[in-house]
């Protein structure tokens, strides 16, 4: 699978998670409220199970925007350590310079 396809799928999951965020939180809050009747909680648990799986934030994975690499990604820059090192050594990242002592 190419990095472009991975990044497209990641972007699609992020959009889906943002779209269903409020609904998912509402259903979860109702499901976890013990003061409500069981039939109401069960009904909302069913509705929660009918939401798309990819709309959950736990299915999101931080990926490098250049290579699609899923591991060792700096959240602030959204790039992997390898790309970060390369860009920083070329001076393409503002405020970052190689330290030496």
PDB file of N, CA and C in Angstrom:
ATOM      1  N   UNK A   1       0.852  -1.185   0.000  1.00  0.00           N
ATOM      2  CA  UNK A   1       0.000   0.000   0.000  1.00  0.00           C
ATOM      3  C   UNK A   1       0.896   1.248   0.000  1.00  0.00           C
ATOM      4  N   UNK A   2       0.644   2.133  -0.906  1.00  0.00           N
ATOM      5  CA  UNK A   2       1.490   3.325  -1.004  1.00  0.00           C
ATOM      6  C   UNK A   2       1.174   4.313   0.118  1.00  0.00           C
ATOM      7  N   UNK A   3       2.129   5.230   0.337  1.00  0.00           N
ATOM      8  CA  UNK A   3       1.927   6.205   1.415  1.00  0.00           C
ATOM      9  C   UNK A   3       0.780   7.157   1.105  1.00  0.00           C
ATOM     10  N   UNK A   4       0.529   7.414  -0.196  1.00  0.00           N
ATOM     11  CA  UNK A   4      -0.582   8.295  -0.557  1.00  0.00           C
ATOM     12  C   UNK A   4      -1.913   7.691  -0.139  1.00  0.00           C
ATOM     13  N   UNK A   5      -2.074   6.392  -0.385  1.00  0.00           N
ATOM     14  CA  UNK A   5      -3.332   5.729  -0.036  1.00  0.00           C
ATOM     15  C   UNK A   5      -3.514   5.689   1.485  1.00  0.00           C
ATOM     16  N   UNK A   6      -2.414   5.438   2.205  1.00  0.00           N
ATOM     17  CA  UNK A   6      -2.503   5.414   3.670  1.00  0.00           C
ATOM     18  C   UNK A   6      -2.913   6.775   4.215  1.00  0.00           C
ATOM     19  N   UNK A   7      -2.328   7.829   3.655  1.00  0.00           N
ATOM     20  CA  UNK A   7      -2.656   9.174   4.119  1.00  0.00           C
ATOM     21  C   UNK A   7      -4.086   9.552   3.758  1.00  0.00           C
ATOM     22  N   UNK A   8      -4.568   9.091   2.620  1.00  0.00           N
ATOM     23  CA  UNK A   8      -5.951   9.359   2.226  1.00  0.00           C
ATOM     24  C   UNK A   8      -6.904   8.647   3.172  1.00  0.00           C
ATOM     25  N   UNK A   9      -6.616   7.387   3.486  1.00  0.00           N
ATOM     26  CA  UNK A   9      -7.458   6.635   4.429  1.00  0.00           C
ATOM     27  C   UNK A   9      -7.438   7.269   5.813  1.00  0.00           C
ATOM     28  N   UNK A  10      -6.271   7.730   6.237  1.00  0.00           N
ATOM     29  CA  UNK A  10      -6.142   8.400   7.530  1.00  0.00           C
ATOM     30  C   UNK A  10      -6.970   9.680   7.553  1.00  0.00           C
ATOM     31  N   UNK A  11      -6.915  10.439   6.465  1.00  0.00           N
ATOM     32  CA  UNK A  11      -7.691  11.677   6.371  1.00  0.00           C
ATOM     33  C   UNK A  11      -9.192  11.379   6.408  1.00  0.00           C
ATOM     34  N   UNK A  12      -9.606  10.320   5.713  1.00  0.00           N
ATOM     35  CA  UNK A  12     -11.019   9.922   5.710  1.00  0.00           C
ATOM     36  C   UNK A  12     -11.473   9.539   7.118  1.00  0.00           C
ATOM     37  N   UNK A  13     -10.653   8.793   7.841  1.00  0.00           N
ATOM     38  CA  UNK A  13     -10.999   8.406   9.214  1.00  0.00           C
ATOM     39  C   UNK A  13     -11.103   9.621  10.120  1.00  0.00           C
ATOM     40  N   UNK A  14     -10.208  10.582   9.945  1.00  0.00           N
ATOM     41  CA  UNK A  14     -10.247  11.795  10.762  1.00  0.00           C
ATOM     42  C   UNK A  14     -11.520  12.594  10.497  1.00  0.00           C
ATOM     43  N   UNK A  15     -11.935  12.677   9.242  1.00  0.00           N
ATOM     44  CA  UNK A  15     -13.178  13.383   8.906  1.00  0.00           C
ATOM     45  C   UNK A  15     -14.378  12.668   9.512  1.00  0.00           C
ATOM     46  N   UNK A  16     -14.399  11.341   9.418  1.00  0.00           N
ATOM     47  CA  UNK A  16     -15.503  10.552   9.954  1.00  0.00           C
ATOM     48  C   UNK A  16     -15.577  10.683  11.476  1.00  0.00           C
ATOM     49  N   UNK A  17     -14.428  10.667  12.139  1.00  0.00           N
ATOM     50  CA  UNK A  17     -14.392  10.801  13.596  1.00  0.00           C
ATOM     51  C   UNK A  17     -14.911  12.168  14.023  1.00  0.00           C
ATOM     52  N   UNK A  18     -14.550  13.199  13.281  1.00  0.00           N
ATOM     53  CA  UNK A  18     -15.020  14.545  13.607  1.00  0.00           C
ATOM     54  C   UNK A  18     -16.520  14.664  13.380  1.00  0.00           C
ATOM     55  N   UNK A  19     -17.012  14.016  12.351  1.00  0.00           N
ATOM     56  CA  UNK A  19     -18.438  14.092  12.008  1.00  0.00           C
ATOM     57  C   UNK A  19     -19.315  13.446  13.087  1.00  0.00           C
ATOM     58  N   UNK A  20     -18.872  12.299  13.607  1.00  0.00           N
ATOM     59  CA  UNK A  20     -19.690  11.544  14.559  1.00  0.00           C
ATOM     60  C   UNK A  20     -19.267  11.749  16.010  1.00  0.00           C
ATOM     61  N   UNK A  21     -18.381  12.683  16.283  1.00  0.00           N
ATOM     62  CA  UNK A  21     -17.847  12.868  17.632  1.00  0.00           C
ATOM     63  C   UNK A  21     -18.941  13.180  18.647  1.00  0.00           C
ATOM     64  N   UNK A  22     -19.802  14.132  18.337  1.00  0.00           N
ATOM     65  CA  UNK A  22     -20.831  14.561  19.296  1.00  0.00           C
ATOM     66  C   UNK A  22     -21.832  13.436  19.541  1.00  0.00           C
ATOM     67  N   UNK A  23     -22.263  12.784  18.453  1.00  0.00           N
ATOM     68  CA  UNK A  23     -23.221  11.685  18.580  1.00  0.00           C
ATOM     69  C   UNK A  23     -22.654  10.553  19.435  1.00  0.00           C
ATOM     70  N   UNK A  24     -21.403  10.196  19.157  1.00  0.00           N
ATOM     71  CA  UNK A  24     -20.755   9.099  19.877  1.00  0.00           C
ATOM     72  C   UNK A  24     -20.622   9.425  21.370  1.00  0.00           C
ATOM     73  N   UNK A  25     -20.243  10.666  21.694  1.00  0.00           N
ATOM     74  CA  UNK A  25     -20.110  11.067  23.101  1.00  0.00           C
ATOM     75  C   UNK A  25     -21.456  11.068  23.821  1.00  0.00           C
ATOM     76  N   UNK A  26     -22.504  11.514  23.115  1.00  0.00           N
ATOM     77  CA  UNK A  26     -23.845  11.519  23.698  1.00  0.00           C
ATOM     78  C   UNK A  26     -24.311  10.103  24.006  1.00  0.00           C
ATOM     79  N   UNK A  27     -24.163   9.209  23.028  1.00  0.00           N
ATOM     80  CA  UNK A  27     -24.585   7.815  23.224  1.00  0.00           C
ATOM     81  C   UNK A  27     -23.801   7.158  24.354  1.00  0.00           C
ATOM     82  N   UNK A  28     -22.503   7.433  24.425  1.00  0.00           N
ATOM     83  CA  UNK A  28     -21.689   6.836  25.488  1.00  0.00           C
ATOM     84  C   UNK A  28     -22.083   7.357  26.862  1.00  0.00           C
ATOM     85  N   UNK A  29     -22.388   8.663  26.931  1.00  0.00           N
ATOM     86  CA  UNK A  29     -22.786   9.245  28.212  1.00  0.00           C
ATOM     87  C   UNK A  29     -24.098   8.630  28.691  1.00  0.00           C
ATOM     88  N   UNK A  30     -25.023   8.424  27.768  1.00  0.00           N
ATOM     89  CA  UNK A  30     -26.315   7.821  28.138  1.00  0.00           C
ATOM     90  C   UNK A  30     -26.119   6.368  28.534  1.00  0.00           C
ATOM     91  N   UNK A  31     -25.273   5.638  27.827  1.00  0.00           N
ATOM     92  CA  UNK A  31     -25.014   4.229  28.143  1.00  0.00           C
ATOM     93  C   UNK A  31     -24.394   4.058  29.524  1.00  0.00           C
ATOM     94  N   UNK A  32     -23.555   4.995  29.912  1.00  0.00           N
ATOM     95  CA  UNK A  32     -22.829   4.864  31.175  1.00  0.00           C
ATOM     96  C   UNK A  32     -23.535   5.513  32.362  1.00  0.00           C
ATOM     97  N   UNK A  33     -24.735   6.062  32.145  1.00  0.00           N
ATOM     98  CA  UNK A  33     -25.473   6.724  33.232  1.00  0.00           C
ATOM     99  C   UNK A  33     -26.349   5.703  33.960  1.00  0.00           C
ATOM    100  N   UNK A  34     -26.007   5.329  35.187  1.00  0.00           N
ATOM    101  CA  UNK A  34     -26.787   4.297  35.902  1.00  0.00           C
ATOM    102  C   UNK A  34     -28.154   4.778  36.382  1.00  0.00           C
ATOM    103  N   UNK A  35     -28.402   6.085  36.373  1.00  0.00           N
ATOM    104  CA  UNK A  35     -29.689   6.587  36.852  1.00  0.00           C
ATOM    105  C   UNK A  35     -30.804   6.429  35.812  1.00  0.00           C
ATOM    106  N   UNK A  36     -30.448   6.156  34.565  1.00  0.00           N
ATOM    107  CA  UNK A  36     -31.446   5.979  33.509  1.00  0.00           C
ATOM    108  C   UNK A  36     -31.956   4.542  33.486  1.00  0.00           C
ATOM    109  N   UNK A  37     -33.179   4.341  32.972  1.00  0.00           N
ATOM    110  CA  UNK A  37     -33.716   2.974  32.872  1.00  0.00           C
ATOM    111  C   UNK A  37     -32.879   2.116  31.906  1.00  0.00           C
ATOM    112  N   UNK A  38     -32.903   0.822  32.152  1.00  0.00           N
ATOM    113  CA  UNK A  38     -32.085  -0.091  31.350  1.00  0.00           C
ATOM    114  C   UNK A  38     -32.483  -0.117  29.877  1.00  0.00           C
ATOM    115  N   UNK A  39     -33.772   0.001  29.584  1.00  0.00           N
ATOM    116  CA  UNK A  39     -34.195  -0.063  28.179  1.00  0.00           C
ATOM    117  C   UNK A  39     -33.684   1.136  27.373  1.00  0.00           C
ATOM    118  N   UNK A  40     -33.615   2.310  28.006  1.00  0.00           N
ATOM    119  CA  UNK A  40     -33.076   3.503  27.332  1.00  0.00           C
ATOM    120  C   UNK A  40     -31.586   3.320  27.092  1.00  0.00           C
ATOM    121  N   UNK A  41     -30.887   2.827  28.101  1.00  0.00           N
ATOM    122  CA  UNK A  41     -29.448   2.609  27.964  1.00  0.00           C
ATOM    123  C   UNK A  41     -29.156   1.558  26.895  1.00  0.00           C
ATOM    124  N   UNK A  42     -29.953   0.504  26.872  1.00  0.00           N
ATOM    125  CA  UNK A  42     -29.771  -0.556  25.880  1.00  0.00           C
ATOM    126  C   UNK A  42     -30.040  -0.052  24.466  1.00  0.00           C
ATOM    127  N   UNK A  43     -31.053   0.810  24.333  1.00  0.00           N
ATOM    128  CA  UNK A  43     -31.386   1.397  23.033  1.00  0.00           C
ATOM    129  C   UNK A  43     -30.221   2.242  22.500  1.00  0.00           C
ATOM    130  N   UNK A  44     -29.613   3.042  23.379  1.00  0.00           N
ATOM    131  CA  UNK A  44     -28.494   3.883  22.951  1.00  0.00           C
ATOM    132  C   UNK A  44     -27.219   3.070  22.739  1.00  0.00           C
ATOM    133  N   UNK A  45     -27.089   1.959  23.443  1.00  0.00           N
ATOM    134  CA  UNK A  45     -25.954   1.072  23.206  1.00  0.00           C
ATOM    135  C   UNK A  45     -26.058   0.451  21.808  1.00  0.00           C
ATOM    136  N   UNK A  46     -27.283   0.143  21.397  1.00  0.00           N
ATOM    137  CA  UNK A  46     -27.515  -0.390  20.051  1.00  0.00           C
ATOM    138  C   UNK A  46     -27.201   0.675  18.998  1.00  0.00           C
ATOM    139  N   UNK A  47     -27.643   1.918  19.260  1.00  0.00           N
ATOM    140  CA  UNK A  47     -27.358   3.014  18.329  1.00  0.00           C
ATOM    141  C   UNK A  47     -25.855   3.253  18.210  1.00  0.00           C
ATOM    142  N   UNK A  48     -25.152   3.131  19.334  1.00  0.00           N
ATOM    143  CA  UNK A  48     -23.702   3.303  19.337  1.00  0.00           C
ATOM    144  C   UNK A  48     -23.030   2.220  18.493  1.00  0.00           C
ATOM    145  N   UNK A  49     -23.556   1.014  18.553  1.00  0.00           N
ATOM    146  CA  UNK A  49     -22.964  -0.078  17.777  1.00  0.00           C
ATOM    147  C   UNK A  49     -23.236   0.073  16.285  1.00  0.00           C
ATOM    148  N   UNK A  50     -24.242   0.841  15.916  1.00  0.00           N
ATOM    149  CA  UNK A  50     -24.576   1.047  14.508  1.00  0.00           C
ATOM    150  C   UNK A  50     -23.774   2.181  13.857  1.00  0.00           C
ATOM    151  N   UNK A  51     -23.042   2.957  14.660  1.00  0.00           N
ATOM    152  CA  UNK A  51     -22.185   3.994  14.084  1.00  0.00           C
ATOM    153  C   UNK A  51     -21.019   3.325  13.351  1.00  0.00           C
ATOM    154  N   UNK A  52     -20.457   3.991  12.347  1.00  0.00           N
ATOM    155  CA  UNK A  52     -19.316   3.396  11.630  1.00  0.00           C
ATOM    156  C   UNK A  52     -18.125   3.170  12.557  1.00  0.00           C
ATOM    157  N   UNK A  53     -17.435   2.069  12.377  1.00  0.00           N
ATOM    158  CA  UNK A  53     -16.291   1.750  13.231  1.00  0.00           C
ATOM    159  C   UNK A  53     -15.184   2.777  13.073  1.00  0.00           C
ATOM    160  N   UNK A  54     -14.984   3.256  11.855  1.00  0.00           N
ATOM    161  CA  UNK A  54     -13.913   4.211  11.602  1.00  0.00           C
ATOM    162  C   UNK A  54     -14.199   5.587  12.178  1.00  0.00           C
ATOM    163  N   UNK A  55     -15.372   5.776  12.767  1.00  0.00           N
ATOM    164  CA  UNK A  55     -15.687   7.073  13.363  1.00  0.00           C
ATOM    165  C   UNK A  55     -15.189   7.173  14.808  1.00  0.00           C
ATOM    166  N   UNK A  56     -14.522   6.140  15.281  1.00  0.00           N
ATOM    167  CA  UNK A  56     -13.976   6.162  16.629  1.00  0.00           C
ATOM    168  C   UNK A  56     -12.572   6.765  16.627  1.00  0.00           C
ATOM    169  N   UNK A  57     -12.279   7.606  17.632  1.00  0.00           N
ATOM    170  CA  UNK A  57     -10.976   8.249  17.707  1.00  0.00           C
ATOM    171  C   UNK A  57      -9.867   7.250  18.041  1.00  0.00           C
ATOM    172  N   UNK A  58     -10.212   6.095  18.595  1.00  0.00           N
ATOM    173  CA  UNK A  58      -9.180   5.113  18.916  1.00  0.00           C
ATOM    174  C   UNK A  58      -8.629   4.446  17.665  1.00  0.00           C
ATOM    175  N   UNK A  59      -9.319   4.552  16.555  1.00  0.00           N
ATOM    176  CA  UNK A  59      -8.849   3.949  15.310  1.00  0.00           C
ATOM    177  C   UNK A  59      -7.949   4.887  14.508  1.00  0.00           C
ATOM    178  N   UNK A  60      -7.780   6.112  15.009  1.00  0.00           N
ATOM    179  CA  UNK A  60      -6.894   7.041  14.322  1.00  0.00           C
ATOM    180  C   UNK A  60      -5.446   6.726  14.668  1.00  0.00           C
ATOM    181  N   UNK A  61      -4.590   6.952  13.706  1.00  0.00           N
ATOM    182  CA  UNK A  61      -3.169   6.692  13.906  1.00  0.00           C
ATOM    183  C   UNK A  61      -2.393   7.891  13.372  1.00  0.00           C
ATOM    184  N   UNK A  62      -1.489   8.438  14.184  1.00  0.00           N
ATOM    185  CA  UNK A  62      -0.674   9.551  13.711  1.00  0.00           C
ATOM    186  C   UNK A  62       0.299   9.041  12.664  1.00  0.00           C
ATOM    187  N   UNK A  63       0.267   9.667  11.495  1.00  0.00           N
ATOM    188  CA  UNK A  63       1.137   9.257  10.398  1.00  0.00           C
ATOM    189  C   UNK A  63       1.939  10.439   9.882  1.00  0.00           C
ATOM    190  N   UNK A  64       3.097  10.130   9.322  1.00  0.00           N
ATOM    191  CA  UNK A  64       3.924  11.153   8.692  1.00  0.00           C
ATOM    192  C   UNK A  64       3.226  11.628   7.420  1.00  0.00           C
ATOM    193  N   UNK A  65       3.150  12.949   7.226  1.00  0.00           N
ATOM    194  CA  UNK A  65       2.441  13.465   6.054  1.00  0.00           C
ATOM    195  C   UNK A  65       3.264  13.316   4.777  1.00  0.00           C
ATOM    196  N   UNK A  66       4.561  13.050   4.903  1.00  0.00           N
ATOM    197  CA  UNK A  66       5.403  12.879   3.722  1.00  0.00           C
ATOM    198  C   UNK A  66       5.522  11.418   3.313  1.00  0.00           C
ATOM    199  N   UNK A  67       5.748  10.535   4.281  1.00  0.00           N
ATOM    200  CA  UNK A  67       6.010   9.129   3.949  1.00  0.00           C
ATOM    201  C   UNK A  67       4.887   8.179   4.329  1.00  0.00           C
ATOM    202  N   UNK A  68       3.984   8.603   5.215  1.00  0.00           N
ATOM    203  CA  UNK A  68       2.918   7.710   5.671  1.00  0.00           C
ATOM    204  C   UNK A  68       3.363   6.777   6.778  1.00  0.00           C
ATOM    205  N   UNK A  69       4.567   6.972   7.280  1.00  0.00           N
ATOM    206  CA  UNK A  69       5.113   6.113   8.332  1.00  0.00           C
ATOM    207  C   UNK A  69       4.295   6.264   9.617  1.00  0.00           C
ATOM    208  N   UNK A  70       3.863   5.138  10.235  1.00  0.00           N
ATOM    209  CA  UNK A  70       3.003   5.232  11.417  1.00  0.00           C
ATOM    210  C   UNK A  70       3.742   5.339  12.753  1.00  0.00           C
ATOM    211  N   UNK A  71       5.039   5.080  12.758  1.00  0.00           N
ATOM    212  CA  UNK A  71       5.773   5.074  14.024  1.00  0.00           C
ATOM    213  C   UNK A  71       6.749   6.236  14.107  1.00  0.00           C
ATOM    214  N   UNK A  72       7.053   6.641  15.336  1.00  0.00           N
ATOM    215  CA  UNK A  72       8.014   7.714  15.609  1.00  0.00           C
ATOM    216  C   UNK A  72       7.635   8.986  14.876  1.00  0.00           C
ATOM    217  N   UNK A  73       6.383   9.415  15.062  1.00  0.00           N
ATOM    218  CA  UNK A  73       5.892  10.633  14.417  1.00  0.00           C
ATOM    219  C   UNK A  73       5.786  11.734  15.472  1.00  0.00           C
ATOM    220  N   UNK A  74       6.417  12.882  15.200  1.00  0.00           N
ATOM    221  CA  UNK A  74       6.311  14.032  16.087  1.00  0.00           C
ATOM    222  C   UNK A  74       4.962  14.703  15.842  1.00  0.00           C
ATOM    223  N   UNK A  75       4.131  14.787  16.875  1.00  0.00           N
ATOM    224  CA  UNK A  75       2.787  15.332  16.731  1.00  0.00           C
ATOM    225  C   UNK A  75       2.792  16.791  16.310  1.00  0.00           C
ATOM    226  N   UNK A  76       3.710  17.564  16.829  1.00  0.00           N
ATOM    227  CA  UNK A  76       3.755  18.989  16.549  1.00  0.00           C
ATOM    228  C   UNK A  76       3.986  19.275  15.067  1.00  0.00           C
ATOM    229  N   UNK A  77       4.849  18.477  14.434  1.00  0.00           N
ATOM    230  CA  UNK A  77       5.186  18.703  13.030  1.00  0.00           C
ATOM    231  C   UNK A  77       4.488  17.725  12.088  1.00  0.00           C
ATOM    232  N   UNK A  78       3.941  16.645  12.620  1.00  0.00           N
ATOM    233  CA  UNK A  78       3.294  15.569  11.855  1.00  0.00           C
ATOM    234  C   UNK A  78       4.238  14.946  10.828  1.00  0.00           C
ATOM    235  N   UNK A  79       5.494  14.796  11.210  1.00  0.00           N
ATOM    236  CA  UNK A  79       6.472  14.119  10.365  1.00  0.00           C
ATOM    237  C   UNK A  79       7.209  13.076  11.194  1.00  0.00           C
ATOM    238  N   UNK A  80       7.741  12.063  10.521  1.00  0.00           N
ATOM    239  CA  UNK A  80       8.484  11.016  11.223  1.00  0.00           C
ATOM    240  C   UNK A  80       9.859  11.527  11.615  1.00  0.00           C
ATOM    241  N   UNK A  81      10.517  10.790  12.471  1.00  0.00           N
ATOM    242  CA  UNK A  81      11.827  11.201  12.963  1.00  0.00           C
ATOM    243  C   UNK A  81      12.845  11.281  11.833  1.00  0.00           C
ATOM    244  N   UNK A  82      12.693  10.407  10.853  1.00  0.00           N
ATOM    245  CA  UNK A  82      13.635  10.369   9.733  1.00  0.00           C
ATOM    246  C   UNK A  82      13.489  11.615   8.872  1.00  0.00           C
ATOM    247  N   UNK A  83      12.241  11.945   8.531  1.00  0.00           N
ATOM    248  CA  UNK A  83      11.974  13.129   7.715  1.00  0.00           C
ATOM    249  C   UNK A  83      12.312  14.389   8.504  1.00  0.00           C
ATOM    250  N   UNK A  84      12.001  14.384   9.804  1.00  0.00           N
ATOM    251  CA  UNK A  84      12.304  15.541  10.650  1.00  0.00           C
ATOM    252  C   UNK A  84      13.802  15.823  10.654  1.00  0.00           C
ATOM    253  N   UNK A  85      14.596  14.789  10.816  1.00  0.00           N
ATOM    254  CA  UNK A  85      16.058  14.950  10.849  1.00  0.00           C
ATOM    255  C   UNK A  85      16.565  15.498   9.520  1.00  0.00           C
ATOM    256  N   UNK A  86      16.012  14.983   8.431  1.00  0.00           N
ATOM    257  CA  UNK A  86      16.431  15.435   7.104  1.00  0.00           C
ATOM    258  C   UNK A  86      16.060  16.905   6.880  1.00  0.00           C
ATOM    259  N   UNK A  87      14.817  17.270   7.215  1.00  0.00           N
ATOM    260  CA  UNK A  87      14.363  18.651   7.026  1.00  0.00           C
ATOM    261  C   UNK A  87      15.111  19.616   7.945  1.00  0.00           C
ATOM    262  N   UNK A  88      15.354  19.185   9.185  1.00  0.00           N
ATOM    263  CA  UNK A  88      16.056  20.049  10.133  1.00  0.00           C
ATOM    264  C   UNK A  88      17.511  20.275   9.711  1.00  0.00           C
ATOM    265  N   UNK A  89      18.144  19.255   9.178  1.00  0.00           N
ATOM    266  CA  UNK A  89      19.543  19.416   8.762  1.00  0.00           C
ATOM    267  C   UNK A  89      19.651  20.316   7.536  1.00  0.00           C
ATOM    268  N   UNK A  90      18.596  20.355   6.721  1.00  0.00           N
ATOM    269  CA  UNK A  90      18.578  21.254   5.562  1.00  0.00           C
ATOM    270  C   UNK A  90      18.138  22.669   5.940  1.00  0.00           C
ATOM    271  N   UNK A  91      17.648  22.834   7.173  1.00  0.00           N
ATOM    272  CA  UNK A  91      17.212  24.148   7.638  1.00  0.00           C
ATOM    273  C   UNK A  91      15.832  24.543   7.155  1.00  0.00           C
ATOM    274  N   UNK A  92      14.991  23.561   6.849  1.00  0.00           N
ATOM    275  CA  UNK A  92      13.653  23.833   6.310  1.00  0.00           C
ATOM    276  C   UNK A  92      12.579  23.956   7.387  1.00  0.00           C
ATOM    277  N   UNK A  93      12.928  23.662   8.642  1.00  0.00           N
ATOM    278  CA  UNK A  93      11.974  23.795   9.745  1.00  0.00           C
ATOM    279  C   UNK A  93      12.371  25.024  10.547  1.00  0.00           C
ATOM    280  N   UNK A  94      11.434  25.960  10.654  1.00  0.00           N
ATOM    281  CA  UNK A  94      11.714  27.211  11.367  1.00  0.00           C
ATOM    282  C   UNK A  94      11.937  26.950  12.852  1.00  0.00           C
ATOM    283  N   UNK A  95      12.976  27.568  13.409  1.00  0.00           N
ATOM    284  CA  UNK A  95      13.232  27.483  14.844  1.00  0.00           C
ATOM    285  C   UNK A  95      13.950  26.227  15.284  1.00  0.00           C
ATOM    286  N   UNK A  96      14.334  25.364  14.351  1.00  0.00           N
ATOM    287  CA  UNK A  96      15.029  24.125  14.706  1.00  0.00           C
ATOM    288  C   UNK A  96      16.409  24.161  14.066  1.00  0.00           C
ATOM    289  N   UNK A  97      17.417  23.925  14.897  1.00  0.00           N
ATOM    290  CA  UNK A  97      18.768  23.836  14.347  1.00  0.00           C
ATOM    291  C   UNK A  97      19.504  22.712  15.051  1.00  0.00           C
ATOM    292  N   UNK A  98      20.486  22.188  14.379  1.00  0.00           N
ATOM    293  CA  UNK A  98      21.266  21.097  14.930  1.00  0.00           C
ATOM    294  C   UNK A  98      22.160  21.628  16.053  1.00  0.00           C
ATOM    295  N   UNK A  99      22.107  20.964  17.190  1.00  0.00           N
ATOM    296  CA  UNK A  99      22.934  21.416  18.307  1.00  0.00           C
ATOM    297  C   UNK A  99      24.267  20.690  18.275  1.00  0.00           C
ATOM    298  N   UNK A 100      25.278  21.382  18.711  1.00  0.00           N
ATOM    299  CA  UNK A 100      26.599  20.741  18.832  1.00  0.00           C
ATOM    300  C   UNK A 100      27.318  21.380  20.016  1.00  0.00           C
ATOM    301  N   UNK A 101      28.080  20.573  20.730  1.00  0.00           N
ATOM    302  CA  UNK A 101      28.817  21.105  21.878  1.00  0.00           C
ATOM    303  C   UNK A 101      30.147  20.422  22.005  1.00  0.00           C
TER     304      UNK A 101
END
